[in-house]
């Protein structure tokens, strides 16, 4: 009988130690899953016109190339107010990834790369640290020209690296969440 009581006490003691040693600290940190971005829509408003640059890639890395459209030509010497939106259109209704990019602005930056003959881009929005996000910008077109505009969304760029805060992607690092190329014509 004494052996039974001893085993019972030993079992209860081990059970109590096990309960005490388990805590919520052992839970893994939540994973920030990568966004699915199927659509990039850049809108330029200026000179009495609204130009929409749209890239849709509804099959993602599938066999079909993205469908890229530009609704019109830009006017030389014009200031355009720009914005960009990122969507996941594989779900209904579409998921607006732009909201997450803005909420996690410290971890994201949009880069606009085009020849100087197209014009110059300036960021007009910032994250909590005063660094650019790039969802909103201005474009001042230069002279008549043609060229490509590359819009790139980077996750975890080094926003303090040389040139990054002014839009130079060279030293940004990070991972590319989305990248599209739009053919532009400036008249």
C-alpha atoms as a PDB file:
ATOM      1  CA  UNK A   1       0.000   0.000   0.000  1.00  0.00           C
ATOM      2  CA  UNK A   2       2.860   2.362   0.836  1.00  0.00           C
ATOM      3  CA  UNK A   3       4.382   1.607  -2.571  1.00  0.00           C
ATOM      4  CA  UNK A   4       1.106   2.564  -4.266  1.00  0.00           C
ATOM      5  CA  UNK A   5       0.929   5.902  -2.369  1.00  0.00           C
ATOM      6  CA  UNK A   6       4.564   6.618  -3.199  1.00  0.00           C
ATOM      7  CA  UNK A   7       4.018   5.925  -6.939  1.00  0.00           C
ATOM      8  CA  UNK A   8       0.836   8.016  -6.885  1.00  0.00           C
ATOM      9  CA  UNK A   9       2.658  10.981  -5.248  1.00  0.00           C
ATOM     10  CA  UNK A  10       5.560  10.618  -7.667  1.00  0.00           C
ATOM     11  CA  UNK A  11       3.171  10.611 -10.629  1.00  0.00           C
ATOM     12  CA  UNK A  12       1.338  13.714  -9.351  1.00  0.00           C
ATOM     13  CA  UNK A  13       4.641  15.514  -8.736  1.00  0.00           C
ATOM     14  CA  UNK A  14       5.885  14.775 -12.252  1.00  0.00           C
ATOM     15  CA  UNK A  15       2.522  15.877 -13.692  1.00  0.00           C
ATOM     16  CA  UNK A  16       2.698  19.182 -11.777  1.00  0.00           C
ATOM     17  CA  UNK A  17       6.270  19.835 -12.934  1.00  0.00           C
ATOM     18  CA  UNK A  18       5.225  19.140 -16.516  1.00  0.00           C
ATOM     19  CA  UNK A  19       2.320  21.587 -16.274  1.00  0.00           C
ATOM     20  CA  UNK A  20       4.498  24.294 -14.770  1.00  0.00           C
ATOM     21  CA  UNK A  21       7.214  23.904 -17.410  1.00  0.00           C
ATOM     22  CA  UNK A  22       4.734  24.366 -20.275  1.00  0.00           C
ATOM     23  CA  UNK A  23       4.068  27.979 -21.102  1.00  0.00           C
ATOM     24  CA  UNK A  24       2.873  30.150 -23.927  1.00  0.00           C
ATOM     25  CA  UNK A  25       6.474  31.261 -24.480  1.00  0.00           C
ATOM     26  CA  UNK A  26       7.048  28.039 -26.424  1.00  0.00           C
ATOM     27  CA  UNK A  27       4.682  29.083 -29.223  1.00  0.00           C
ATOM     28  CA  UNK A  28       6.427  29.958 -32.482  1.00  0.00           C
ATOM     29  CA  UNK A  29       6.225  33.547 -33.715  1.00  0.00           C
ATOM     30  CA  UNK A  30       3.459  34.145 -36.250  1.00  0.00           C
ATOM     31  CA  UNK A  31       4.587  33.867 -39.854  1.00  0.00           C
ATOM     32  CA  UNK A  32       3.952  36.836 -42.151  1.00  0.00           C
ATOM     33  CA  UNK A  33       2.844  34.968 -45.256  1.00  0.00           C
ATOM     34  CA  UNK A  34       3.876  36.287 -48.657  1.00  0.00           C
ATOM     35  CA  UNK A  35       1.129  38.135 -50.460  1.00  0.00           C
ATOM     36  CA  UNK A  36      -0.335  36.859 -53.725  1.00  0.00           C
ATOM     37  CA  UNK A  37      -0.288  39.789 -56.131  1.00  0.00           C
ATOM     38  CA  UNK A  38      -1.972  39.240 -59.492  1.00  0.00           C
ATOM     39  CA  UNK A  39      -2.706  42.824 -60.480  1.00  0.00           C
ATOM     40  CA  UNK A  40      -0.740  46.066 -60.363  1.00  0.00           C
ATOM     41  CA  UNK A  41      -2.657  49.230 -61.241  1.00  0.00           C
ATOM     42  CA  UNK A  42      -0.803  52.547 -61.493  1.00  0.00           C
ATOM     43  CA  UNK A  43      -2.917  55.665 -62.016  1.00  0.00           C
ATOM     44  CA  UNK A  44      -1.537  58.998 -63.243  1.00  0.00           C
ATOM     45  CA  UNK A  45      -3.730  62.122 -63.082  1.00  0.00           C
ATOM     46  CA  UNK A  46      -2.597  65.383 -64.675  1.00  0.00           C
ATOM     47  CA  UNK A  47      -2.953  67.677 -67.675  1.00  0.00           C
ATOM     48  CA  UNK A  48      -6.704  67.064 -67.743  1.00  0.00           C
ATOM     49  CA  UNK A  49      -6.310  63.318 -68.196  1.00  0.00           C
ATOM     50  CA  UNK A  50      -6.224  60.086 -66.212  1.00  0.00           C
ATOM     51  CA  UNK A  51      -3.831  57.432 -67.484  1.00  0.00           C
ATOM     52  CA  UNK A  52      -4.146  53.881 -66.126  1.00  0.00           C
ATOM     53  CA  UNK A  53      -1.263  51.430 -66.333  1.00  0.00           C
ATOM     54  CA  UNK A  54      -2.548  47.922 -65.653  1.00  0.00           C
ATOM     55  CA  UNK A  55      -0.814  44.557 -65.380  1.00  0.00           C
ATOM     56  CA  UNK A  56      -2.872  41.416 -64.734  1.00  0.00           C
ATOM     57  CA  UNK A  57      -1.304  38.009 -64.242  1.00  0.00           C
ATOM     58  CA  UNK A  58      -4.204  35.887 -63.017  1.00  0.00           C
ATOM     59  CA  UNK A  59      -2.311  32.586 -63.322  1.00  0.00           C
ATOM     60  CA  UNK A  60       0.683  33.837 -61.323  1.00  0.00           C
ATOM     61  CA  UNK A  61       3.730  31.813 -62.321  1.00  0.00           C
ATOM     62  CA  UNK A  62       1.597  29.842 -64.760  1.00  0.00           C
ATOM     63  CA  UNK A  63       2.199  29.592 -68.497  1.00  0.00           C
ATOM     64  CA  UNK A  64       0.342  32.793 -69.460  1.00  0.00           C
ATOM     65  CA  UNK A  65       2.221  36.083 -69.625  1.00  0.00           C
ATOM     66  CA  UNK A  66       0.764  39.088 -67.786  1.00  0.00           C
ATOM     67  CA  UNK A  67      -1.659  41.252 -69.750  1.00  0.00           C
ATOM     68  CA  UNK A  68      -0.235  44.791 -69.716  1.00  0.00           C
ATOM     69  CA  UNK A  69      -2.234  47.813 -70.865  1.00  0.00           C
ATOM     70  CA  UNK A  70      -1.628  51.563 -70.869  1.00  0.00           C
ATOM     71  CA  UNK A  71      -4.734  53.696 -71.440  1.00  0.00           C
ATOM     72  CA  UNK A  72      -3.008  56.606 -73.207  1.00  0.00           C
ATOM     73  CA  UNK A  73       0.064  58.732 -73.778  1.00  0.00           C
ATOM     74  CA  UNK A  74       1.520  61.223 -71.335  1.00  0.00           C
ATOM     75  CA  UNK A  75       2.000  64.904 -72.121  1.00  0.00           C
ATOM     76  CA  UNK A  76       5.505  66.408 -72.000  1.00  0.00           C
ATOM     77  CA  UNK A  77       6.159  68.983 -69.275  1.00  0.00           C
ATOM     78  CA  UNK A  78       3.201  67.880 -67.157  1.00  0.00           C
ATOM     79  CA  UNK A  79       3.011  67.060 -63.462  1.00  0.00           C
ATOM     80  CA  UNK A  80       1.055  63.877 -62.733  1.00  0.00           C
ATOM     81  CA  UNK A  81      -0.208  62.796 -59.340  1.00  0.00           C
ATOM     82  CA  UNK A  82       0.345  59.062 -59.142  1.00  0.00           C
ATOM     83  CA  UNK A  83      -0.810  56.134 -57.070  1.00  0.00           C
ATOM     84  CA  UNK A  84      -0.324  52.398 -57.268  1.00  0.00           C
ATOM     85  CA  UNK A  85      -2.539  49.543 -56.077  1.00  0.00           C
ATOM     86  CA  UNK A  86      -1.723  45.862 -55.616  1.00  0.00           C
ATOM     87  CA  UNK A  87      -4.523  43.284 -55.795  1.00  0.00           C
ATOM     88  CA  UNK A  88      -5.013  39.543 -55.452  1.00  0.00           C
ATOM     89  CA  UNK A  89      -7.738  38.737 -57.956  1.00  0.00           C
ATOM     90  CA  UNK A  90      -7.577  34.966 -57.457  1.00  0.00           C
ATOM     91  CA  UNK A  91     -10.242  35.419 -54.757  1.00  0.00           C
ATOM     92  CA  UNK A  92     -13.702  36.959 -54.956  1.00  0.00           C
ATOM     93  CA  UNK A  93     -13.982  39.696 -53.941  1.00  0.00           C
ATOM     94  CA  UNK A  94     -10.450  40.731 -54.830  1.00  0.00           C
ATOM     95  CA  UNK A  95      -8.074  41.197 -51.899  1.00  0.00           C
ATOM     96  CA  UNK A  96      -6.547  44.709 -51.790  1.00  0.00           C
ATOM     97  CA  UNK A  97      -2.909  44.060 -50.835  1.00  0.00           C
ATOM     98  CA  UNK A  98      -2.285  47.840 -50.945  1.00  0.00           C
ATOM     99  CA  UNK A  99      -3.829  48.134 -47.478  1.00  0.00           C
ATOM    100  CA  UNK A 100      -1.308  45.662 -46.044  1.00  0.00           C
ATOM    101  CA  UNK A 101       1.587  47.406 -47.814  1.00  0.00           C
ATOM    102  CA  UNK A 102       0.519  50.720 -46.270  1.00  0.00           C
ATOM    103  CA  UNK A 103      -0.010  49.223 -42.789  1.00  0.00           C
ATOM    104  CA  UNK A 104       3.426  47.572 -42.996  1.00  0.00           C
ATOM    105  CA  UNK A 105       5.019  50.620 -44.631  1.00  0.00           C
ATOM    106  CA  UNK A 106       8.247  50.226 -42.677  1.00  0.00           C
ATOM    107  CA  UNK A 107       8.721  46.861 -44.411  1.00  0.00           C
ATOM    108  CA  UNK A 108       7.811  47.933 -47.973  1.00  0.00           C
ATOM    109  CA  UNK A 109       8.851  50.386 -50.674  1.00  0.00           C
ATOM    110  CA  UNK A 110       7.712  50.838 -54.263  1.00  0.00           C
ATOM    111  CA  UNK A 111      10.376  51.816 -56.797  1.00  0.00           C
ATOM    112  CA  UNK A 112       9.760  53.567 -60.123  1.00  0.00           C
ATOM    113  CA  UNK A 113      12.490  53.121 -62.727  1.00  0.00           C
ATOM    114  CA  UNK A 114      12.308  54.932 -66.056  1.00  0.00           C
ATOM    115  CA  UNK A 115      14.747  56.750 -68.337  1.00  0.00           C
ATOM    116  CA  UNK A 116      15.328  60.400 -67.418  1.00  0.00           C
ATOM    117  CA  UNK A 117      13.799  61.289 -70.793  1.00  0.00           C
ATOM    118  CA  UNK A 118      10.423  60.058 -69.443  1.00  0.00           C
ATOM    119  CA  UNK A 119      10.611  62.244 -66.338  1.00  0.00           C
ATOM    120  CA  UNK A 120      11.324  62.297 -62.619  1.00  0.00           C
ATOM    121  CA  UNK A 121       9.474  60.568 -59.804  1.00  0.00           C
ATOM    122  CA  UNK A 122       9.104  61.935 -56.263  1.00  0.00           C
ATOM    123  CA  UNK A 123       7.627  60.084 -53.288  1.00  0.00           C
ATOM    124  CA  UNK A 124       4.737  61.811 -51.508  1.00  0.00           C
ATOM    125  CA  UNK A 125       3.995  59.297 -48.743  1.00  0.00           C
ATOM    126  CA  UNK A 126       6.093  58.052 -45.828  1.00  0.00           C
ATOM    127  CA  UNK A 127       6.160  55.272 -43.254  1.00  0.00           C
ATOM    128  CA  UNK A 128       6.226  55.690 -39.457  1.00  0.00           C
ATOM    129  CA  UNK A 129       9.984  56.427 -39.647  1.00  0.00           C
ATOM    130  CA  UNK A 130       9.603  59.162 -42.256  1.00  0.00           C
ATOM    131  CA  UNK A 131      10.981  56.945 -45.057  1.00  0.00           C
ATOM    132  CA  UNK A 132       9.133  56.589 -48.389  1.00  0.00           C
ATOM    133  CA  UNK A 133       6.589  53.878 -49.089  1.00  0.00           C
ATOM    134  CA  UNK A 134       5.850  54.872 -52.691  1.00  0.00           C
ATOM    135  CA  UNK A 135       2.132  54.123 -52.950  1.00  0.00           C
ATOM    136  CA  UNK A 136       1.690  57.830 -53.749  1.00  0.00           C
ATOM    137  CA  UNK A 137       4.073  59.895 -55.885  1.00  0.00           C
ATOM    138  CA  UNK A 138       4.395  62.612 -58.495  1.00  0.00           C
ATOM    139  CA  UNK A 139       5.776  62.241 -61.991  1.00  0.00           C
ATOM    140  CA  UNK A 140       6.983  65.317 -63.857  1.00  0.00           C
ATOM    141  CA  UNK A 141       7.329  64.341 -67.495  1.00  0.00           C
ATOM    142  CA  UNK A 142      10.273  65.631 -69.502  1.00  0.00           C
ATOM    143  CA  UNK A 143      10.279  66.026 -73.270  1.00  0.00           C
ATOM    144  CA  UNK A 144       8.720  63.798 -75.907  1.00  0.00           C
ATOM    145  CA  UNK A 145      10.107  60.293 -75.446  1.00  0.00           C
ATOM    146  CA  UNK A 146       9.333  56.609 -75.322  1.00  0.00           C
ATOM    147  CA  UNK A 147      10.596  54.136 -72.770  1.00  0.00           C
ATOM    148  CA  UNK A 148       9.661  51.584 -70.153  1.00  0.00           C
ATOM    149  CA  UNK A 149       8.538  52.247 -66.606  1.00  0.00           C
ATOM    150  CA  UNK A 150       9.371  49.443 -64.197  1.00  0.00           C
ATOM    151  CA  UNK A 151       7.274  49.389 -61.006  1.00  0.00           C
ATOM    152  CA  UNK A 152       8.770  47.200 -58.266  1.00  0.00           C
ATOM    153  CA  UNK A 153       7.382  46.453 -54.797  1.00  0.00           C
ATOM    154  CA  UNK A 154      10.142  45.405 -52.385  1.00  0.00           C
ATOM    155  CA  UNK A 155       9.643  43.699 -49.040  1.00  0.00           C
ATOM    156  CA  UNK A 156      12.167  44.489 -46.290  1.00  0.00           C
ATOM    157  CA  UNK A 157      14.340  46.895 -48.292  1.00  0.00           C
ATOM    158  CA  UNK A 158      17.171  48.707 -46.541  1.00  0.00           C
ATOM    159  CA  UNK A 159      15.573  52.150 -46.578  1.00  0.00           C
ATOM    160  CA  UNK A 160      18.688  53.697 -45.011  1.00  0.00           C
ATOM    161  CA  UNK A 161      21.025  52.524 -47.787  1.00  0.00           C
ATOM    162  CA  UNK A 162      22.506  55.080 -50.170  1.00  0.00           C
ATOM    163  CA  UNK A 163      19.947  56.467 -52.625  1.00  0.00           C
ATOM    164  CA  UNK A 164      17.051  54.239 -51.541  1.00  0.00           C
ATOM    165  CA  UNK A 165      14.994  57.052 -49.993  1.00  0.00           C
ATOM    166  CA  UNK A 166      15.082  58.896 -53.320  1.00  0.00           C
ATOM    167  CA  UNK A 167      14.007  55.820 -55.289  1.00  0.00           C
ATOM    168  CA  UNK A 168      17.285  54.204 -56.327  1.00  0.00           C
ATOM    169  CA  UNK A 169      16.692  50.443 -56.113  1.00  0.00           C
ATOM    170  CA  UNK A 170      20.394  49.532 -56.525  1.00  0.00           C
ATOM    171  CA  UNK A 171      21.224  49.298 -52.795  1.00  0.00           C
ATOM    172  CA  UNK A 172      17.718  48.449 -51.545  1.00  0.00           C
ATOM    173  CA  UNK A 173      18.110  44.712 -51.058  1.00  0.00           C
ATOM    174  CA  UNK A 174      15.044  42.917 -49.762  1.00  0.00           C
ATOM    175  CA  UNK A 175      12.749  40.623 -51.726  1.00  0.00           C
ATOM    176  CA  UNK A 176      10.682  41.548 -54.756  1.00  0.00           C
ATOM    177  CA  UNK A 177       6.957  41.052 -54.096  1.00  0.00           C
ATOM    178  CA  UNK A 178       5.867  42.343 -57.525  1.00  0.00           C
ATOM    179  CA  UNK A 179       7.532  43.802 -60.602  1.00  0.00           C
ATOM    180  CA  UNK A 180       5.900  44.962 -63.835  1.00  0.00           C
ATOM    181  CA  UNK A 181       7.063  46.845 -66.908  1.00  0.00           C
ATOM    182  CA  UNK A 182       4.859  49.384 -68.676  1.00  0.00           C
ATOM    183  CA  UNK A 183       5.688  50.883 -72.108  1.00  0.00           C
ATOM    184  CA  UNK A 184       5.231  54.677 -71.978  1.00  0.00           C
ATOM    185  CA  UNK A 185       4.958  57.345 -74.637  1.00  0.00           C
ATOM    186  CA  UNK A 186       5.373  61.023 -73.777  1.00  0.00           C
ATOM    187  CA  UNK A 187       4.121  63.418 -76.507  1.00  0.00           C
END
